[in-house]
Each structure stands twice: as structure tokens, then as C-alpha cells.
C-alpha atoms as a PDB file:
ATOM      1  CA  UNK A   1     210.580 117.839 154.297  1.00  0.00           C
ATOM      2  CA  UNK A   2     211.497 116.147 151.037  1.00  0.00           C
ATOM      3  CA  UNK A   3     214.803 114.259 151.142  1.00  0.00           C
ATOM      4  CA  UNK A   4     216.638 113.263 147.967  1.00  0.00           C
ATOM      5  CA  UNK A   5     219.972 112.304 149.509  1.00  0.00           C
ATOM      6  CA  UNK A   6     223.013 114.571 149.347  1.00  0.00           C
ATOM      7  CA  UNK A   7     225.270 111.936 147.838  1.00  0.00           C
ATOM      8  CA  UNK A   8     222.779 111.719 144.985  1.00  0.00           C
ATOM      9  CA  UNK A   9     222.805 115.496 144.773  1.00  0.00           C
ATOM     10  CA  UNK A  10     226.583 115.431 144.498  1.00  0.00           C
ATOM     11  CA  UNK A  11     226.260 113.177 141.498  1.00  0.00           C
ATOM     12  CA  UNK A  12     223.947 115.733 139.914  1.00  0.00           C
ATOM     13  CA  UNK A  13     226.307 118.593 140.663  1.00  0.00           C
ATOM     14  CA  UNK A  14     229.239 117.085 138.788  1.00  0.00           C
ATOM     15  CA  UNK A  15     228.728 114.330 136.236  1.00  0.00           C
ATOM     16  CA  UNK A  16     231.218 111.534 136.191  1.00  0.00           C
ATOM     17  CA  UNK A  17     232.185 111.785 139.850  1.00  0.00           C
ATOM     18  CA  UNK A  18     233.005 108.321 141.220  1.00  0.00           C
ATOM     19  CA  UNK A  19     233.839 106.807 144.597  1.00  0.00           C
ATOM     20  CA  UNK A  20     231.932 105.970 147.754  1.00  0.00           C
ATOM     21  CA  UNK A  21     231.970 106.990 151.377  1.00  0.00           C
ATOM     22  CA  UNK A  22     232.141 104.361 154.071  1.00  0.00           C
ATOM     23  CA  UNK A  23     230.592 104.465 157.511  1.00  0.00           C
ATOM     24  CA  UNK A  24     231.898 106.697 160.291  1.00  0.00           C
ATOM     25  CA  UNK A  25     233.377 103.726 162.105  1.00  0.00           C
ATOM     26  CA  UNK A  26     235.473 102.461 159.202  1.00  0.00           C
ATOM     27  CA  UNK A  27     236.951 105.714 157.897  1.00  0.00           C
ATOM     28  CA  UNK A  28     239.646 107.692 159.650  1.00  0.00           C
ATOM     29  CA  UNK A  29     238.709 111.350 159.414  1.00  0.00           C
ATOM     30  CA  UNK A  30     241.385 113.541 157.866  1.00  0.00           C
ATOM     31  CA  UNK A  31     243.001 115.839 160.365  1.00  0.00           C
ATOM     32  CA  UNK A  32     242.150 119.533 160.006  1.00  0.00           C
ATOM     33  CA  UNK A  33     244.700 121.747 158.352  1.00  0.00           C
ATOM     34  CA  UNK A  34     247.626 122.450 160.637  1.00  0.00           C
ATOM     35  CA  UNK A  35     247.091 125.618 162.591  1.00  0.00           C
ATOM     36  CA  UNK A  36     249.357 126.678 165.411  1.00  0.00           C
ATOM     37  CA  UNK A  37     248.249 129.454 167.682  1.00  0.00           C
ATOM     38  CA  UNK A  38     251.232 130.946 169.435  1.00  0.00           C
ATOM     39  CA  UNK A  39     250.795 131.616 173.119  1.00  0.00           C
ATOM     40  CA  UNK A  40     250.797 135.329 173.776  1.00  0.00           C
ATOM     41  CA  UNK A  41     251.209 137.223 177.019  1.00  0.00           C
ATOM     42  CA  UNK A  42     248.661 139.910 177.728  1.00  0.00           C
ATOM     43  CA  UNK A  43     250.153 143.300 178.523  1.00  0.00           C
ATOM     44  CA  UNK A  44     249.524 144.627 182.002  1.00  0.00           C
ATOM     45  CA  UNK A  45     247.279 147.326 180.528  1.00  0.00           C
ATOM     46  CA  UNK A  46     245.691 147.581 177.112  1.00  0.00           C
ATOM     47  CA  UNK A  47     244.672 151.080 176.124  1.00  0.00           C
ATOM     48  CA  UNK A  48     241.288 150.792 174.446  1.00  0.00           C
ATOM     49  CA  UNK A  49     238.681 153.504 174.268  1.00  0.00           C
ATOM     50  CA  UNK A  50     236.011 152.702 176.844  1.00  0.00           C
ATOM     51  CA  UNK A  51     233.320 153.286 174.232  1.00  0.00           C
ATOM     52  CA  UNK A  52     234.811 150.570 172.017  1.00  0.00           C
ATOM     53  CA  UNK A  53     235.330 147.934 174.691  1.00  0.00           C
ATOM     54  CA  UNK A  54     233.144 144.929 173.963  1.00  0.00           C
ATOM     55  CA  UNK A  55     232.706 145.733 170.277  1.00  0.00           C
ATOM     56  CA  UNK A  56     233.711 143.336 167.508  1.00  0.00           C
ATOM     57  CA  UNK A  57     236.353 145.846 166.426  1.00  0.00           C
ATOM     58  CA  UNK A  58     237.760 145.776 169.967  1.00  0.00           C
ATOM     59  CA  UNK A  59     238.007 141.983 169.951  1.00  0.00           C
ATOM     60  CA  UNK A  60     239.704 141.938 166.545  1.00  0.00           C
ATOM     61  CA  UNK A  61     242.216 144.563 167.685  1.00  0.00           C
ATOM     62  CA  UNK A  62     243.016 142.674 170.895  1.00  0.00           C
ATOM     63  CA  UNK A  63     246.710 142.441 171.789  1.00  0.00           C
ATOM     64  CA  UNK A  64     246.156 138.815 172.821  1.00  0.00           C
ATOM     65  CA  UNK A  65     245.884 137.838 169.147  1.00  0.00           C
ATOM     66  CA  UNK A  66     249.558 138.500 168.466  1.00  0.00           C
ATOM     67  CA  UNK A  67     250.769 137.424 165.027  1.00  0.00           C
ATOM     68  CA  UNK A  68     247.479 135.680 164.280  1.00  0.00           C
ATOM     69  CA  UNK A  69     246.069 139.073 163.358  1.00  0.00           C
ATOM     70  CA  UNK A  70     248.348 139.041 160.299  1.00  0.00           C
ATOM     71  CA  UNK A  71     245.892 136.637 158.636  1.00  0.00           C
ATOM     72  CA  UNK A  72     243.015 139.108 158.817  1.00  0.00           C
ATOM     73  CA  UNK A  73     243.863 140.230 155.277  1.00  0.00           C
ATOM     74  CA  UNK A  74     242.676 136.849 153.983  1.00  0.00           C
ATOM     75  CA  UNK A  75     240.161 135.842 156.659  1.00  0.00           C
ATOM     76  CA  UNK A  76     238.309 139.145 157.060  1.00  0.00           C
ATOM     77  CA  UNK A  77     236.834 138.454 160.509  1.00  0.00           C
ATOM     78  CA  UNK A  78     234.989 141.782 160.851  1.00  0.00           C
ATOM     79  CA  UNK A  79     233.179 141.416 157.545  1.00  0.00           C
ATOM     80  CA  UNK A  80     232.627 137.674 157.978  1.00  0.00           C
ATOM     81  CA  UNK A  81     231.078 137.802 161.446  1.00  0.00           C
ATOM     82  CA  UNK A  82     228.977 140.815 160.472  1.00  0.00           C
ATOM     83  CA  UNK A  83     227.714 138.928 157.425  1.00  0.00           C
ATOM     84  CA  UNK A  84     226.822 135.977 159.668  1.00  0.00           C
ATOM     85  CA  UNK A  85     224.585 138.285 161.752  1.00  0.00           C
ATOM     86  CA  UNK A  86     226.191 137.170 165.011  1.00  0.00           C
ATOM     87  CA  UNK A  87     224.701 138.637 168.191  1.00  0.00           C
ATOM     88  CA  UNK A  88     227.414 138.559 170.905  1.00  0.00           C
ATOM     89  CA  UNK A  89     224.739 138.435 173.614  1.00  0.00           C
ATOM     90  CA  UNK A  90     223.435 135.116 172.274  1.00  0.00           C
ATOM     91  CA  UNK A  91     224.597 131.473 172.352  1.00  0.00           C
ATOM     92  CA  UNK A  92     227.149 130.744 169.631  1.00  0.00           C
ATOM     93  CA  UNK A  93     228.721 127.356 168.847  1.00  0.00           C
ATOM     94  CA  UNK A  94     231.971 127.146 166.898  1.00  0.00           C
ATOM     95  CA  UNK A  95     232.553 123.709 165.366  1.00  0.00           C
ATOM     96  CA  UNK A  96     236.061 122.242 165.556  1.00  0.00           C
ATOM     97  CA  UNK A  97     237.871 125.495 166.387  1.00  0.00           C
ATOM     98  CA  UNK A  98     241.295 123.836 166.037  1.00  0.00           C
ATOM     99  CA  UNK A  99     244.027 126.072 167.414  1.00  0.00           C
ATOM    100  CA  UNK A 100     241.499 128.807 168.140  1.00  0.00           C
ATOM    101  CA  UNK A 101     242.110 131.456 165.483  1.00  0.00           C
ATOM    102  CA  UNK A 102     238.478 132.555 165.580  1.00  0.00           C
ATOM    103  CA  UNK A 103     238.178 131.755 169.295  1.00  0.00           C
ATOM    104  CA  UNK A 104     240.547 134.637 170.015  1.00  0.00           C
ATOM    105  CA  UNK A 105     237.947 136.953 168.505  1.00  0.00           C
ATOM    106  CA  UNK A 106     234.646 135.267 169.328  1.00  0.00           C
ATOM    107  CA  UNK A 107     235.250 134.361 172.976  1.00  0.00           C
ATOM    108  CA  UNK A 108     236.269 137.848 174.247  1.00  0.00           C
ATOM    109  CA  UNK A 109     233.554 139.532 172.180  1.00  0.00           C
ATOM    110  CA  UNK A 110     230.817 137.203 173.413  1.00  0.00           C
ATOM    111  CA  UNK A 111     232.150 137.223 176.982  1.00  0.00           C
ATOM    112  CA  UNK A 112     232.102 141.026 177.073  1.00  0.00           C
ATOM    113  CA  UNK A 113     228.466 141.082 175.955  1.00  0.00           C
ATOM    114  CA  UNK A 114     226.999 138.452 178.258  1.00  0.00           C
ATOM    115  CA  UNK A 115     226.580 135.734 175.644  1.00  0.00           C
ATOM    116  CA  UNK A 116     227.718 132.112 175.668  1.00  0.00           C
ATOM    117  CA  UNK A 117     230.565 130.836 173.505  1.00  0.00           C
ATOM    118  CA  UNK A 118     230.576 127.057 173.025  1.00  0.00           C
ATOM    119  CA  UNK A 119     233.625 125.388 171.503  1.00  0.00           C
ATOM    120  CA  UNK A 120     232.623 122.046 169.969  1.00  0.00           C
ATOM    121  CA  UNK A 121     236.128 120.631 169.805  1.00  0.00           C
ATOM    122  CA  UNK A 122     237.388 117.074 169.368  1.00  0.00           C
ATOM    123  CA  UNK A 123     236.311 114.557 172.027  1.00  0.00           C
ATOM    124  CA  UNK A 124     238.765 114.356 174.927  1.00  0.00           C
ATOM    125  CA  UNK A 125     238.930 110.561 174.504  1.00  0.00           C
ATOM    126  CA  UNK A 126     239.442 110.621 170.731  1.00  0.00           C
ATOM    127  CA  UNK A 127     241.304 107.646 169.284  1.00  0.00           C
ATOM    128  CA  UNK A 128     243.514 110.129 167.432  1.00  0.00           C
ATOM    129  CA  UNK A 129     246.522 111.330 169.418  1.00  0.00           C
ATOM    130  CA  UNK A 130     246.617 114.436 167.212  1.00  0.00           C
ATOM    131  CA  UNK A 131     243.072 115.319 168.219  1.00  0.00           C
ATOM    132  CA  UNK A 132     243.704 114.707 171.902  1.00  0.00           C
ATOM    133  CA  UNK A 133     246.744 116.994 171.786  1.00  0.00           C
ATOM    134  CA  UNK A 134     244.822 119.617 169.833  1.00  0.00           C
ATOM    135  CA  UNK A 135     242.002 119.706 172.352  1.00  0.00           C
ATOM    136  CA  UNK A 136     244.404 119.768 175.319  1.00  0.00           C
ATOM    137  CA  UNK A 137     246.298 122.709 173.823  1.00  0.00           C
ATOM    138  CA  UNK A 138     243.037 124.550 173.170  1.00  0.00           C
ATOM    139  CA  UNK A 139     241.861 123.971 176.731  1.00  0.00           C
ATOM    140  CA  UNK A 140     245.160 125.182 178.206  1.00  0.00           C
ATOM    141  CA  UNK A 141     245.078 128.303 176.031  1.00  0.00           C
ATOM    142  CA  UNK A 142     241.464 129.385 176.413  1.00  0.00           C
ATOM    143  CA  UNK A 143     239.486 127.756 179.216  1.00  0.00           C
ATOM    144  CA  UNK A 144     239.224 129.835 182.388  1.00  0.00           C
ATOM    145  CA  UNK A 145     241.664 132.456 181.118  1.00  0.00           C
ATOM    146  CA  UNK A 146     241.236 136.142 180.392  1.00  0.00           C
ATOM    147  CA  UNK A 147     239.930 137.752 178.278  1.00  0.00           C
ATOM    148  CA  UNK A 148     238.141 134.684 176.938  1.00  0.00           C
ATOM    149  CA  UNK A 149     235.696 134.182 179.781  1.00  0.00           C
ATOM    150  CA  UNK A 150     233.802 131.040 180.729  1.00  0.00           C
ATOM    151  CA  UNK A 151     234.108 128.939 177.569  1.00  0.00           C
ATOM    152  CA  UNK A 152     231.790 125.941 177.320  1.00  0.00           C
ATOM    153  CA  UNK A 153     234.074 123.245 175.872  1.00  0.00           C
ATOM    154  CA  UNK A 154     232.289 120.210 174.425  1.00  0.00           C
ATOM    155  CA  UNK A 155     233.440 117.176 172.494  1.00  0.00           C
ATOM    156  CA  UNK A 156     231.839 116.535 169.124  1.00  0.00           C
ATOM    157  CA  UNK A 157     232.505 114.021 166.380  1.00  0.00           C
ATOM    158  CA  UNK A 158     231.013 111.117 164.431  1.00  0.00           C
ATOM    159  CA  UNK A 159     230.706 108.921 167.515  1.00  0.00           C
ATOM    160  CA  UNK A 160     229.113 111.556 169.760  1.00  0.00           C
ATOM    161  CA  UNK A 161     225.450 112.138 170.424  1.00  0.00           C
ATOM    162  CA  UNK A 162     225.043 115.694 169.185  1.00  0.00           C
ATOM    163  CA  UNK A 163     225.929 119.259 170.068  1.00  0.00           C
ATOM    164  CA  UNK A 164     223.454 119.948 172.858  1.00  0.00           C
ATOM    165  CA  UNK A 165     219.775 120.225 173.647  1.00  0.00           C
ATOM    166  CA  UNK A 166     217.571 120.804 170.600  1.00  0.00           C
ATOM    167  CA  UNK A 167     216.947 124.488 169.953  1.00  0.00           C
ATOM    168  CA  UNK A 168     219.538 125.612 172.509  1.00  0.00           C
ATOM    169  CA  UNK A 169     221.814 127.676 170.221  1.00  0.00           C
ATOM    170  CA  UNK A 170     221.310 130.873 168.254  1.00  0.00           C
ATOM    171  CA  UNK A 171     224.206 130.417 165.834  1.00  0.00           C
ATOM    172  CA  UNK A 172     226.543 127.674 164.629  1.00  0.00           C
ATOM    173  CA  UNK A 173     229.773 128.619 162.869  1.00  0.00           C
ATOM    174  CA  UNK A 174     232.279 126.467 161.032  1.00  0.00           C
ATOM    175  CA  UNK A 175     235.460 127.593 159.329  1.00  0.00           C
ATOM    176  CA  UNK A 176     237.238 125.343 156.806  1.00  0.00           C
ATOM    177  CA  UNK A 177     235.909 122.020 158.107  1.00  0.00           C
ATOM    178  CA  UNK A 178     233.493 120.584 155.544  1.00  0.00           C
ATOM    179  CA  UNK A 179     236.280 118.776 153.659  1.00  0.00           C
ATOM    180  CA  UNK A 180     237.194 116.924 156.861  1.00  0.00           C
ATOM    181  CA  UNK A 181     233.651 115.645 157.289  1.00  0.00           C
ATOM    182  CA  UNK A 182     233.562 114.556 153.671  1.00  0.00           C
ATOM    183  CA  UNK A 183     236.733 112.533 154.222  1.00  0.00           C
ATOM    184  CA  UNK A 184     235.207 111.008 157.332  1.00  0.00           C
ATOM    185  CA  UNK A 185     231.874 110.215 155.722  1.00  0.00           C
ATOM    186  CA  UNK A 186     229.645 112.143 158.126  1.00  0.00           C
ATOM    187  CA  UNK A 187     228.772 115.380 156.380  1.00  0.00           C
ATOM    188  CA  UNK A 188     225.035 114.691 156.411  1.00  0.00           C
ATOM    189  CA  UNK A 189     225.185 113.786 160.095  1.00  0.00           C
ATOM    190  CA  UNK A 190     227.119 117.014 160.821  1.00  0.00           C
ATOM    191  CA  UNK A 191     224.577 119.284 159.169  1.00  0.00           C
ATOM    192  CA  UNK A 192     221.733 117.392 160.844  1.00  0.00           C
ATOM    193  CA  UNK A 193     223.354 118.061 164.231  1.00  0.00           C
ATOM    194  CA  UNK A 194     223.676 121.769 163.396  1.00  0.00           C
ATOM    195  CA  UNK A 195     220.011 121.913 162.445  1.00  0.00           C
ATOM    196  CA  UNK A 196     218.916 120.103 165.593  1.00  0.00           C
ATOM    197  CA  UNK A 197     220.821 122.295 168.078  1.00  0.00           C
ATOM    198  CA  UNK A 198     219.690 125.586 166.536  1.00  0.00           C
ATOM    199  CA  UNK A 199     216.510 127.331 167.603  1.00  0.00           C
ATOM    200  CA  UNK A 200     213.984 128.112 164.873  1.00  0.00           C
ATOM    201  CA  UNK A 201     215.350 131.180 163.093  1.00  0.00           C
ATOM    202  CA  UNK A 202     218.906 130.400 164.194  1.00  0.00           C
ATOM    203  CA  UNK A 203     221.765 130.828 161.728  1.00  0.00           C
ATOM    204  CA  UNK A 204     224.506 128.612 160.338  1.00  0.00           C
ATOM    205  CA  UNK A 205     227.636 130.304 158.982  1.00  0.00           C
ATOM    206  CA  UNK A 206     230.004 128.305 156.760  1.00  0.00           C
ATOM    207  CA  UNK A 207     233.405 129.229 155.367  1.00  0.00           C
ATOM    208  CA  UNK A 208     235.098 126.585 153.212  1.00  0.00           C
ATOM    209  CA  UNK A 209     237.848 126.233 150.609  1.00  0.00           C
ATOM    210  CA  UNK A 210     236.088 126.539 147.252  1.00  0.00           C
ATOM    211  CA  UNK A 211     236.459 124.224 144.268  1.00  0.00           C
ATOM    212  CA  UNK A 212     235.445 125.827 140.947  1.00  0.00           C
ATOM    213  CA  UNK A 213     232.091 124.462 139.755  1.00  0.00           C
ATOM    214  CA  UNK A 214     233.725 123.487 136.470  1.00  0.00           C
ATOM    215  CA  UNK A 215     235.953 120.956 138.253  1.00  0.00           C
ATOM    216  CA  UNK A 216     235.056 117.416 139.280  1.00  0.00           C
ATOM    217  CA  UNK A 217     234.219 117.038 142.958  1.00  0.00           C
ATOM    218  CA  UNK A 218     236.065 114.283 144.778  1.00  0.00           C
ATOM    219  CA  UNK A 219     233.527 112.841 147.266  1.00  0.00           C
ATOM    220  CA  UNK A 220     236.328 112.586 149.848  1.00  0.00           C
ATOM    221  CA  UNK A 221     237.663 116.096 149.145  1.00  0.00           C
ATOM    222  CA  UNK A 222     241.259 114.866 149.214  1.00  0.00           C
ATOM    223  CA  UNK A 223     242.480 118.255 147.945  1.00  0.00           C
ATOM    224  CA  UNK A 224     240.648 120.107 150.720  1.00  0.00           C
ATOM    225  CA  UNK A 225     238.474 121.955 148.180  1.00  0.00           C
ATOM    226  CA  UNK A 226     234.675 121.632 147.981  1.00  0.00           C
ATOM    227  CA  UNK A 227     232.142 122.899 145.456  1.00  0.00           C
ATOM    228  CA  UNK A 228     229.888 125.635 146.776  1.00  0.00           C
ATOM    229  CA  UNK A 229     226.857 123.934 145.231  1.00  0.00           C
ATOM    230  CA  UNK A 230     227.614 120.778 147.208  1.00  0.00           C
ATOM    231  CA  UNK A 231     227.769 122.621 150.535  1.00  0.00           C
ATOM    232  CA  UNK A 232     224.484 124.352 149.744  1.00  0.00           C
ATOM    233  CA  UNK A 233     222.927 120.978 148.884  1.00  0.00           C
ATOM    234  CA  UNK A 234     224.116 119.522 152.193  1.00  0.00           C
ATOM    235  CA  UNK A 235     222.604 122.351 154.197  1.00  0.00           C
ATOM    236  CA  UNK A 236     219.323 122.372 152.302  1.00  0.00           C
ATOM    237  CA  UNK A 237     219.002 118.612 152.625  1.00  0.00           C
ATOM    238  CA  UNK A 238     219.274 119.063 156.399  1.00  0.00           C
ATOM    239  CA  UNK A 239     216.425 121.594 156.275  1.00  0.00           C
ATOM    240  CA  UNK A 240     218.284 124.923 156.142  1.00  0.00           C
ATOM    241  CA  UNK A 241     217.354 127.836 153.927  1.00  0.00           C
ATOM    242  CA  UNK A 242     220.135 129.651 152.081  1.00  0.00           C
ATOM    243  CA  UNK A 243     219.982 133.300 153.122  1.00  0.00           C
ATOM    244  CA  UNK A 244     222.952 134.683 151.188  1.00  0.00           C
ATOM    245  CA  UNK A 245     226.419 133.984 149.839  1.00  0.00           C
ATOM    246  CA  UNK A 246     229.297 136.426 149.926  1.00  0.00           C
ATOM    247  CA  UNK A 247     232.637 136.952 148.200  1.00  0.00           C
ATOM    248  CA  UNK A 248     234.156 138.396 151.383  1.00  0.00           C
ATOM    249  CA  UNK A 249     236.747 135.596 151.515  1.00  0.00           C
ATOM    250  CA  UNK A 250     237.217 135.102 147.785  1.00  0.00           C
ATOM    251  CA  UNK A 251     240.720 134.911 146.317  1.00  0.00           C
ATOM    252  CA  UNK A 252     240.699 134.949 142.491  1.00  0.00           C
ATOM    253  CA  UNK A 253     244.417 134.088 142.429  1.00  0.00           C
ATOM    254  CA  UNK A 254     243.734 130.617 143.820  1.00  0.00           C
ATOM    255  CA  UNK A 255     243.412 127.973 141.080  1.00  0.00           C
ATOM    256  CA  UNK A 256     242.519 125.208 143.597  1.00  0.00           C
ATOM    257  CA  UNK A 257     245.022 122.999 141.780  1.00  0.00           C
ATOM    258  CA  UNK A 258     248.181 122.563 143.841  1.00  0.00           C
ATOM    259  CA  UNK A 259     250.641 119.672 144.347  1.00  0.00           C
ATOM    260  CA  UNK A 260     249.713 119.202 148.017  1.00  0.00           C
ATOM    261  CA  UNK A 261     246.121 120.351 147.809  1.00  0.00           C
ATOM    262  CA  UNK A 262     244.974 123.427 149.690  1.00  0.00           C
ATOM    263  CA  UNK A 263     247.688 122.733 152.267  1.00  0.00           C
ATOM    264  CA  UNK A 264     250.293 123.862 149.724  1.00  0.00           C
ATOM    265  CA  UNK A 265     249.169 127.423 150.422  1.00  0.00           C
ATOM    266  CA  UNK A 266     249.752 129.466 153.566  1.00  0.00           C
ATOM    267  CA  UNK A 267     249.383 128.962 156.434  1.00  0.00           C
ATOM    268  CA  UNK A 268     250.080 125.205 156.149  1.00  0.00           C
ATOM    269  CA  UNK A 269     252.809 125.529 153.447  1.00  0.00           C
ATOM    270  CA  UNK A 270     253.053 121.789 152.936  1.00  0.00           C
ATOM    271  CA  UNK A 271     256.103 120.840 150.858  1.00  0.00           C
ATOM    272  CA  UNK A 272     257.851 124.169 151.327  1.00  0.00           C
ATOM    273  CA  UNK A 273     260.712 122.523 153.224  1.00  0.00           C
ATOM    274  CA  UNK A 274     261.825 120.806 150.000  1.00  0.00           C
ATOM    275  CA  UNK A 275     264.818 122.727 148.649  1.00  0.00           C
ATOM    276  CA  UNK A 276     263.655 122.130 145.056  1.00  0.00           C
ATOM    277  CA  UNK A 277     260.126 123.393 145.669  1.00  0.00           C
ATOM    278  CA  UNK A 278     259.388 126.814 144.180  1.00  0.00           C
ATOM    279  CA  UNK A 279     257.403 128.545 146.895  1.00  0.00           C
ATOM    280  CA  UNK A 280     257.109 131.936 145.198  1.00  0.00           C
ATOM    281  CA  UNK A 281     253.896 131.234 143.191  1.00  0.00           C
ATOM    282  CA  UNK A 282     252.093 129.973 146.282  1.00  0.00           C
ATOM    283  CA  UNK A 283     253.295 132.820 148.469  1.00  0.00           C
ATOM    284  CA  UNK A 284     251.911 135.172 145.822  1.00  0.00           C
ATOM    285  CA  UNK A 285     248.496 133.456 145.983  1.00  0.00           C
ATOM    286  CA  UNK A 286     248.229 133.665 149.756  1.00  0.00           C
ATOM    287  CA  UNK A 287     245.438 131.778 151.511  1.00  0.00           C
ATOM    288  CA  UNK A 288     242.772 129.861 149.595  1.00  0.00           C
ATOM    289  CA  UNK A 289     239.702 131.043 147.745  1.00  0.00           C
ATOM    290  CA  UNK A 290     236.770 130.510 150.107  1.00  0.00           C
ATOM    291  CA  UNK A 291     233.008 130.459 149.929  1.00  0.00           C
ATOM    292  CA  UNK A 292     231.116 132.278 152.685  1.00  0.00           C
ATOM    293  CA  UNK A 293     227.541 131.066 153.148  1.00  0.00           C
ATOM    294  CA  UNK A 294     224.767 132.071 155.528  1.00  0.00           C
ATOM    295  CA  UNK A 295     221.906 129.658 156.220  1.00  0.00           C
ATOM    296  CA  UNK A 296     218.912 129.894 158.499  1.00  0.00           C
ATOM    297  CA  UNK A 297     216.777 127.296 160.228  1.00  0.00           C
ATOM    298  CA  UNK A 298     213.173 128.072 159.262  1.00  0.00           C
ATOM    299  CA  UNK A 299     210.955 129.624 161.907  1.00  0.00           C
ATOM    300  CA  UNK A 300     208.433 126.857 161.215  1.00  0.00           C
ATOM    301  CA  UNK A 301     208.945 123.336 159.897  1.00  0.00           C
ATOM    302  CA  UNK A 302     207.505 122.566 156.469  1.00  0.00           C
ATOM    303  CA  UNK A 303     204.806 119.883 156.506  1.00  0.00           C
ATOM    304  CA  UNK A 304     203.952 117.806 153.382  1.00  0.00           C
ATOM    305  CA  UNK A 305     200.447 118.415 152.060  1.00  0.00           C
ATOM    306  CA  UNK A 306     197.865 115.844 153.069  1.00  0.00           C
ATOM    307  CA  UNK A 307     197.467 112.994 150.621  1.00  0.00           C
ATOM    308  CA  UNK A 308     200.848 113.458 148.913  1.00  0.00           C
ATOM    309  CA  UNK A 309     203.412 110.678 148.613  1.00  0.00           C
ATOM    310  CA  UNK A 310     206.708 112.002 150.006  1.00  0.00           C
ATOM    311  CA  UNK A 311     208.517 108.647 150.059  1.00  0.00           C
ATOM    312  CA  UNK A 312     210.277 108.966 146.698  1.00  0.00           C
END
């Protein structure tokens, strides 16, 4: 497989982009956008048609989601997971699930269909107190509780050895995380880990805040926005094939140019506690404009033709 280097590709994507990315050990990774999942109490009985139980629609309509379901208007979980071709009877890894917004949908759905849901969360011994608290809250909310089933909780980050045995997963999903890896300087390593853990033919689904291709890409993604072409280059450099892109999670009202980056918008609402801050324009925008990309690991590895020089 020919490798040109994604950082070089980034330079080709947007001319004039400057800056460098240090090693994993020397850069503190930006914390994911704040996301609080309120604890909800399951009702004693939930009336759901027996024919629908175990369907994706059933999981999305679950009472356990509480107010988190209000974000479906912007996050479109039914359309997104359908686009990603997720089989709930298979092994699915969600990368850095944070507070568990998608876990509330994926875990019950996969549990009801005999599949395996793996949450690749922050390492339990992370140097970041924020990350330790985030993982502990996730574990208390989801592990060994109904209706989420037997969640396989794993630690994953720049200092860890990978996501699991090679070829052991059918799908890897990540929602709004690429900018964090850019800040931490391990985007290439992340996509390589995704490629390694997937079986041949396995899929990678990516949702990320989208920077217009006419704007200069900050290599550290300080604003939280990333060019779609850059994410595609990262995945292809790791060996993935782009299957399709979708506008499911597009928001044409989002200019991607806000005083506190993407976190100015809901749900983070950074800066909104300032009495002089006009929140109305950002409330009108709603959540960010997002790319939705589906990649696949090839069924067979490509092999350079005999006698060719693939070193350049």
C-alpha cells in the first residue's frame, strides 16, 4: 500500500497551512466536547409492541434516553446508523463514547440482537482527572445495567496498545472525535488502530464537525472543525476505501466561525453564561454542520506489483 503521509496530504488540501504536531507524549490531548448524560430511571413497564422490540427504532424510542432524545433532530441516529450498515448481531466498537449519547441507542439494540458492543473509552489510569471521571461515570451508568447488557469496556488512547485482536470487530464508529486526535497528534495512529481491529470487509463510520473546504485547516483543529477531505485522506492513508458520504447530519446554517469554536453551539454553549453574549444567533443555528462518512476495510490487501519501487 502506497503511503504519502497524511500530514503532507493536509498541506496539499489547504495551501498555506502552517504549524506542526508533536509526539503523543508531549501534547496534552484536548478534552472532548462537554456532554452530560442525565441519569434516568427506567419505568417499571415500557409498552412497546413485541414485534418492534430489538429494532433500531425501538432502541431510539427507549424511555431510558430521557431528554437526550431531544438531540435526535440534529444527530439523526436512525438514518446515521442505517447509513453505516450496522448489523446489531455483530461486534461493534464505539470510540470514546464520552457521556454515552450513542451508547444509549447502540448498547440496547446490540444486546437485544445477540451482538457485542465494545466501548473504547478513556484508560482508567489516565493522567487526566477529567478523563478518569468521565470513564467512571460511564461505567456507573452503563456497565452491568439494563437495558444495556454486557458492555465490553476497554481503555484506548495514545499510550495504549490497540483496540483488540486484529480482525476481531465488524464495525468501528466514532462521533465527533477526530479534532481531539488532531490536537493530541495521534490521528494517523488512531486510524491505523481502527484498520487493524476490523475484519476484512469491516466498516468504519465517522461523524465529525465539518470545516468548509474553502477555509484553512488548522493542523490542531483548535476550533473543533475539520475538513472532510482531510478525514478522507487520513482513512485512505490507513488503507480504508471510501464507500460513501452523506449529508444526513449537515446543517447549512453553521458557518463554522464562532467565538468559542464549535463549542459555542449547543449542546456545549460555551460563553453563554456571559450576560453580554448574544446567544440568539447560535441557538438559531443549533448543533454543528457535520460530515458523515462510511469507509470499508478491503476484503483483500493490495500488494505492490513486482519490480516496482514503492519507497517514495
